Every structure is written in C-alpha cells, then in structure tokens.
C-alpha cells in the first residue's frame, strides 16, 4: 500500500473573531500549493482517492490537489481533523482506494506517519511544513508498521521539481 500524507497549505492567522476550522488558505498559500502540486504531478503521483480533514484550509488544499492531479474522488474525513481518532483512520485506511492521499494538520500527520512507519506514534519525528508531503509504503492491509518512508519533501522542494 502507498499513502501520501500532505499538510495543508499556508492559512490565515489565528484570530479570536474566527473559528479555527474556518481559517482559509491565503493567496500565497494557494499559489505555493499549486506550485507544489505541479511538483507532485511531475513525480507522477496519482492517488486513487484524497481524504481531507473537514477544516477549511485542508479542504481547500485537497481541492487544489484534486484539480491539479486529476483525481475524481475526494472525501472529508473527521478523523483527519486536529486530535482526530487515529485508530478509526487506520481502520478505514485498510479498505481505502490505493494509493491514498491524506490531507491534514501537524502534529497529527507526524504522529500518524510515525505510527505507520513503526507502530509507535512517538518513535519518529517528521516535521511536516505547510504544503509538505511524505510518501509511505507498507505491506499487507494494516498500516501500523513496519512501513517504509519512500520520500519526504518540503513544499520548496516540490515547487522546484514542478519548475524543472
């Protein structure tokens, strides 16, 4: 199984006037994420499905990925929200279309990556930057380690690949 973990793009700053879930991508976040998606396209990344946190910034990131990669299936996944139910997510991943792309938040994506790679959410620290992507593979149906980190790219690296 192949899984791509994607942190949402650059979003609006936190504000007491706006709920966290309503924070949208900034114009810069949209521009940079589109360029990062170009890099994923050049890497021939073709997920079978994209699941996204229900928060606005993650949904907007998933929309850019869906459009830029030509994916037809995208869904919201409550377990990808901050502090979501990782056990439920891991169970759902066992029957998901492959390869699967998950769009979420830090530190949750780092904990999920560690869990897939080693079985322990605290064993490996993967510091996802906004717009960063990890590609992880594992054998079998259960994404609970041992997995293999195929690549882990920053958004700047993805933008460079997209321009090549």
C-alpha atoms as a PDB file:
ATOM      1  CA  UNK A   1       0.000   0.000   0.000  1.00  0.00           C
ATOM      2  CA  UNK A   2       1.114   3.531  -0.778  1.00  0.00           C
ATOM      3  CA  UNK A   3      -0.037   6.513   1.246  1.00  0.00           C
ATOM      4  CA  UNK A   4       0.741  10.190   0.732  1.00  0.00           C
ATOM      5  CA  UNK A   5       0.472  12.422   3.794  1.00  0.00           C
ATOM      6  CA  UNK A   6       0.017  16.113   2.962  1.00  0.00           C
ATOM      7  CA  UNK A   7      -0.033  19.021   5.357  1.00  0.00           C
ATOM      8  CA  UNK A   8      -2.404  21.806   4.311  1.00  0.00           C
ATOM      9  CA  UNK A   9      -1.008  24.945   2.686  1.00  0.00           C
ATOM     10  CA  UNK A  10      -0.342  28.312   4.322  1.00  0.00           C
ATOM     11  CA  UNK A  11      -3.522  29.522   6.032  1.00  0.00           C
ATOM     12  CA  UNK A  12      -4.829  32.693   7.599  1.00  0.00           C
ATOM     13  CA  UNK A  13      -3.524  33.536  11.047  1.00  0.00           C
ATOM     14  CA  UNK A  14      -5.477  32.507  14.108  1.00  0.00           C
ATOM     15  CA  UNK A  15      -7.956  35.127  15.228  1.00  0.00           C
ATOM     16  CA  UNK A  16     -10.421  35.378  18.113  1.00  0.00           C
ATOM     17  CA  UNK A  17     -13.038  36.569  15.579  1.00  0.00           C
ATOM     18  CA  UNK A  18     -12.879  33.365  13.508  1.00  0.00           C
ATOM     19  CA  UNK A  19     -13.182  29.717  14.462  1.00  0.00           C
ATOM     20  CA  UNK A  20     -10.041  27.689  13.758  1.00  0.00           C
ATOM     21  CA  UNK A  21     -11.920  25.415  11.354  1.00  0.00           C
ATOM     22  CA  UNK A  22     -12.883  28.403   9.196  1.00  0.00           C
ATOM     23  CA  UNK A  23      -9.317  29.571   8.527  1.00  0.00           C
ATOM     24  CA  UNK A  24      -8.791  29.549   4.755  1.00  0.00           C
ATOM     25  CA  UNK A  25      -5.654  29.355   2.660  1.00  0.00           C
ATOM     26  CA  UNK A  26      -4.040  32.711   1.966  1.00  0.00           C
ATOM     27  CA  UNK A  27      -3.382  33.910  -1.604  1.00  0.00           C
ATOM     28  CA  UNK A  28       0.281  32.985  -1.035  1.00  0.00           C
ATOM     29  CA  UNK A  29      -0.790  29.602   0.333  1.00  0.00           C
ATOM     30  CA  UNK A  30      -2.882  28.891  -2.762  1.00  0.00           C
ATOM     31  CA  UNK A  31      -0.082  29.993  -5.114  1.00  0.00           C
ATOM     32  CA  UNK A  32       2.585  27.932  -3.354  1.00  0.00           C
ATOM     33  CA  UNK A  33       0.331  24.889  -3.017  1.00  0.00           C
ATOM     34  CA  UNK A  34      -0.476  24.969  -6.748  1.00  0.00           C
ATOM     35  CA  UNK A  35       3.259  25.008  -7.467  1.00  0.00           C
ATOM     36  CA  UNK A  36       3.815  22.108  -5.043  1.00  0.00           C
ATOM     37  CA  UNK A  37       1.025  20.183  -6.795  1.00  0.00           C
ATOM     38  CA  UNK A  38       2.902  20.750 -10.070  1.00  0.00           C
ATOM     39  CA  UNK A  39       5.861  19.018  -8.412  1.00  0.00           C
ATOM     40  CA  UNK A  40       3.675  16.086  -7.354  1.00  0.00           C
ATOM     41  CA  UNK A  41       2.357  15.878 -10.912  1.00  0.00           C
ATOM     42  CA  UNK A  42       5.924  15.735 -12.281  1.00  0.00           C
ATOM     43  CA  UNK A  43       6.657  12.955  -9.784  1.00  0.00           C
ATOM     44  CA  UNK A  44       3.704  11.078 -11.319  1.00  0.00           C
ATOM     45  CA  UNK A  45       1.777  10.981  -8.037  1.00  0.00           C
ATOM     46  CA  UNK A  46      -1.667   9.537  -8.827  1.00  0.00           C
ATOM     47  CA  UNK A  47      -3.711   8.797  -5.723  1.00  0.00           C
ATOM     48  CA  UNK A  48      -6.824   6.672  -6.034  1.00  0.00           C
ATOM     49  CA  UNK A  49      -8.552   8.919  -3.504  1.00  0.00           C
ATOM     50  CA  UNK A  50      -7.923  12.024  -1.447  1.00  0.00           C
ATOM     51  CA  UNK A  51      -9.275  12.214   2.098  1.00  0.00           C
ATOM     52  CA  UNK A  52      -9.203  15.554   3.851  1.00  0.00           C
ATOM     53  CA  UNK A  53      -9.696  16.976   7.294  1.00  0.00           C
ATOM     54  CA  UNK A  54     -13.028  18.821   7.393  1.00  0.00           C
ATOM     55  CA  UNK A  55     -11.294  22.114   8.286  1.00  0.00           C
ATOM     56  CA  UNK A  56     -11.459  24.783   5.572  1.00  0.00           C
ATOM     57  CA  UNK A  57      -7.701  25.068   4.926  1.00  0.00           C
ATOM     58  CA  UNK A  58      -7.354  21.310   4.473  1.00  0.00           C
ATOM     59  CA  UNK A  59     -10.419  21.116   2.214  1.00  0.00           C
ATOM     60  CA  UNK A  60      -9.022  23.906   0.040  1.00  0.00           C
ATOM     61  CA  UNK A  61      -5.674  22.096  -0.142  1.00  0.00           C
ATOM     62  CA  UNK A  62      -7.457  18.868  -1.107  1.00  0.00           C
ATOM     63  CA  UNK A  63      -9.352  20.751  -3.815  1.00  0.00           C
ATOM     64  CA  UNK A  64      -6.082  22.042  -5.299  1.00  0.00           C
ATOM     65  CA  UNK A  65      -4.678  18.501  -5.210  1.00  0.00           C
ATOM     66  CA  UNK A  66      -7.815  17.016  -6.773  1.00  0.00           C
ATOM     67  CA  UNK A  67      -7.766  19.529  -9.624  1.00  0.00           C
ATOM     68  CA  UNK A  68      -4.005  19.518 -10.179  1.00  0.00           C
ATOM     69  CA  UNK A  69      -3.622  15.735 -10.107  1.00  0.00           C
ATOM     70  CA  UNK A  70      -6.834  14.963 -11.999  1.00  0.00           C
ATOM     71  CA  UNK A  71      -8.406  12.957  -9.177  1.00  0.00           C
ATOM     72  CA  UNK A  72     -12.147  12.320  -9.226  1.00  0.00           C
ATOM     73  CA  UNK A  73     -12.668  11.062  -5.678  1.00  0.00           C
ATOM     74  CA  UNK A  74     -12.187  13.260  -2.650  1.00  0.00           C
ATOM     75  CA  UNK A  75     -13.913  13.000   0.725  1.00  0.00           C
ATOM     76  CA  UNK A  76     -13.893  14.673   4.111  1.00  0.00           C
ATOM     77  CA  UNK A  77     -12.645  12.501   6.953  1.00  0.00           C
ATOM     78  CA  UNK A  78     -13.392  13.633  10.512  1.00  0.00           C
ATOM     79  CA  UNK A  79     -10.505  11.510  11.820  1.00  0.00           C
ATOM     80  CA  UNK A  80      -8.070  13.838   9.995  1.00  0.00           C
ATOM     81  CA  UNK A  81      -9.197  16.878  11.994  1.00  0.00           C
ATOM     82  CA  UNK A  82      -6.797  18.038  14.716  1.00  0.00           C
ATOM     83  CA  UNK A  83      -6.701  15.446  17.500  1.00  0.00           C
ATOM     84  CA  UNK A  84      -8.853  13.129  15.365  1.00  0.00           C
ATOM     85  CA  UNK A  85      -9.373   9.424  16.023  1.00  0.00           C
ATOM     86  CA  UNK A  86      -6.227   7.815  14.569  1.00  0.00           C
ATOM     87  CA  UNK A  87      -7.447   4.298  15.378  1.00  0.00           C
ATOM     88  CA  UNK A  88     -10.583   4.875  13.294  1.00  0.00           C
ATOM     89  CA  UNK A  89      -8.496   6.383  10.499  1.00  0.00           C
ATOM     90  CA  UNK A  90      -6.101   3.421  10.436  1.00  0.00           C
ATOM     91  CA  UNK A  91      -9.065   1.026  10.296  1.00  0.00           C
ATOM     92  CA  UNK A  92     -10.670   2.951   7.420  1.00  0.00           C
ATOM     93  CA  UNK A  93      -7.360   3.026   5.527  1.00  0.00           C
ATOM     94  CA  UNK A  94      -7.375  -0.770   5.326  1.00  0.00           C
ATOM     95  CA  UNK A  95     -10.192  -0.715   2.761  1.00  0.00           C
ATOM     96  CA  UNK A  96      -9.420   2.608   1.081  1.00  0.00           C
ATOM     97  CA  UNK A  97      -8.714   3.046  -2.618  1.00  0.00           C
ATOM     98  CA  UNK A  98      -4.987   2.859  -3.241  1.00  0.00           C
ATOM     99  CA  UNK A  99      -2.853   4.845  -3.352  1.00  0.00           C
ATOM    100  CA  UNK A 100      -4.453   7.028  -0.722  1.00  0.00           C
ATOM    101  CA  UNK A 101      -3.665  10.702  -0.105  1.00  0.00           C
ATOM    102  CA  UNK A 102      -4.488  12.175   3.313  1.00  0.00           C
ATOM    103  CA  UNK A 103      -4.616  15.952   3.877  1.00  0.00           C
ATOM    104  CA  UNK A 104      -4.337  17.061   7.478  1.00  0.00           C
ATOM    105  CA  UNK A 105      -2.553  19.015  10.174  1.00  0.00           C
ATOM    106  CA  UNK A 106       0.506  18.985  12.413  1.00  0.00           C
ATOM    107  CA  UNK A 107       1.318  17.441  14.814  1.00  0.00           C
ATOM    108  CA  UNK A 108      -1.262  14.795  13.875  1.00  0.00           C
ATOM    109  CA  UNK A 109       0.310  13.951  10.498  1.00  0.00           C
ATOM    110  CA  UNK A 110       3.717  13.469  12.110  1.00  0.00           C
ATOM    111  CA  UNK A 111       2.209  11.159  14.726  1.00  0.00           C
ATOM    112  CA  UNK A 112       0.329   9.226  12.027  1.00  0.00           C
ATOM    113  CA  UNK A 113       3.486   8.866   9.931  1.00  0.00           C
ATOM    114  CA  UNK A 114       5.407   7.552  12.923  1.00  0.00           C
ATOM    115  CA  UNK A 115       2.638   5.080  13.701  1.00  0.00           C
ATOM    116  CA  UNK A 116       2.547   3.784  10.124  1.00  0.00           C
ATOM    117  CA  UNK A 117       6.334   3.528   9.976  1.00  0.00           C
ATOM    118  CA  UNK A 118       6.979   1.945  13.379  1.00  0.00           C
ATOM    119  CA  UNK A 119       3.704   1.151  15.118  1.00  0.00           C
ATOM    120  CA  UNK A 120       4.509   3.848  17.717  1.00  0.00           C
ATOM    121  CA  UNK A 121       3.197   7.416  17.203  1.00  0.00           C
ATOM    122  CA  UNK A 122       6.121   8.896  19.135  1.00  0.00           C
ATOM    123  CA  UNK A 123       9.054   6.926  17.669  1.00  0.00           C
ATOM    124  CA  UNK A 124       9.813   9.112  14.624  1.00  0.00           C
ATOM    125  CA  UNK A 125       9.570  12.892  14.353  1.00  0.00           C
ATOM    126  CA  UNK A 126       8.511  14.039  10.881  1.00  0.00           C
ATOM    127  CA  UNK A 127       8.155  17.832  10.984  1.00  0.00           C
ATOM    128  CA  UNK A 128       5.691  18.480   8.148  1.00  0.00           C
ATOM    129  CA  UNK A 129       5.942  22.025   6.811  1.00  0.00           C
ATOM    130  CA  UNK A 130       2.785  23.599   5.409  1.00  0.00           C
ATOM    131  CA  UNK A 131       2.395  22.011   1.982  1.00  0.00           C
ATOM    132  CA  UNK A 132       4.933  19.247   2.732  1.00  0.00           C
ATOM    133  CA  UNK A 133       4.308  15.676   1.598  1.00  0.00           C
ATOM    134  CA  UNK A 134       5.501  12.244   2.727  1.00  0.00           C
ATOM    135  CA  UNK A 135       5.154   9.043   0.725  1.00  0.00           C
ATOM    136  CA  UNK A 136       4.983   5.926   2.914  1.00  0.00           C
ATOM    137  CA  UNK A 137       4.557   2.302   1.867  1.00  0.00           C
ATOM    138  CA  UNK A 138       3.814  -0.877   3.810  1.00  0.00           C
ATOM    139  CA  UNK A 139       2.985  -4.489   3.081  1.00  0.00           C
ATOM    140  CA  UNK A 140      -0.358  -6.008   3.964  1.00  0.00           C
ATOM    141  CA  UNK A 141      -3.602  -4.327   4.902  1.00  0.00           C
ATOM    142  CA  UNK A 142      -2.783  -2.839   8.307  1.00  0.00           C
ATOM    143  CA  UNK A 143      -0.915   0.494   8.289  1.00  0.00           C
ATOM    144  CA  UNK A 144       0.643   0.007  11.712  1.00  0.00           C
ATOM    145  CA  UNK A 145       4.281  -0.630  10.924  1.00  0.00           C
ATOM    146  CA  UNK A 146       6.697  -1.546   9.817  1.00  0.00           C
ATOM    147  CA  UNK A 147       6.386   0.858   6.930  1.00  0.00           C
ATOM    148  CA  UNK A 148       8.958   2.476   4.715  1.00  0.00           C
ATOM    149  CA  UNK A 149       9.437   6.185   4.120  1.00  0.00           C
ATOM    150  CA  UNK A 150       9.872   6.425   0.346  1.00  0.00           C
ATOM    151  CA  UNK A 151      10.329  10.201   0.336  1.00  0.00           C
ATOM    152  CA  UNK A 152       9.594  13.263   2.449  1.00  0.00           C
ATOM    153  CA  UNK A 153       9.592  16.560   0.558  1.00  0.00           C
ATOM    154  CA  UNK A 154       9.235  20.128   1.715  1.00  0.00           C
ATOM    155  CA  UNK A 155       6.975  22.467  -0.238  1.00  0.00           C
ATOM    156  CA  UNK A 156      10.058  24.315  -1.533  1.00  0.00           C
ATOM    157  CA  UNK A 157      11.466  21.062  -2.926  1.00  0.00           C
ATOM    158  CA  UNK A 158       8.140  20.237  -4.563  1.00  0.00           C
ATOM    159  CA  UNK A 159       7.971  23.710  -6.146  1.00  0.00           C
ATOM    160  CA  UNK A 160      11.482  23.242  -7.571  1.00  0.00           C
ATOM    161  CA  UNK A 161      10.514  19.866  -9.005  1.00  0.00           C
ATOM    162  CA  UNK A 162       7.408  21.452 -10.517  1.00  0.00           C
ATOM    163  CA  UNK A 163       9.524  24.076 -12.282  1.00  0.00           C
ATOM    164  CA  UNK A 164      12.049  21.556 -13.666  1.00  0.00           C
END
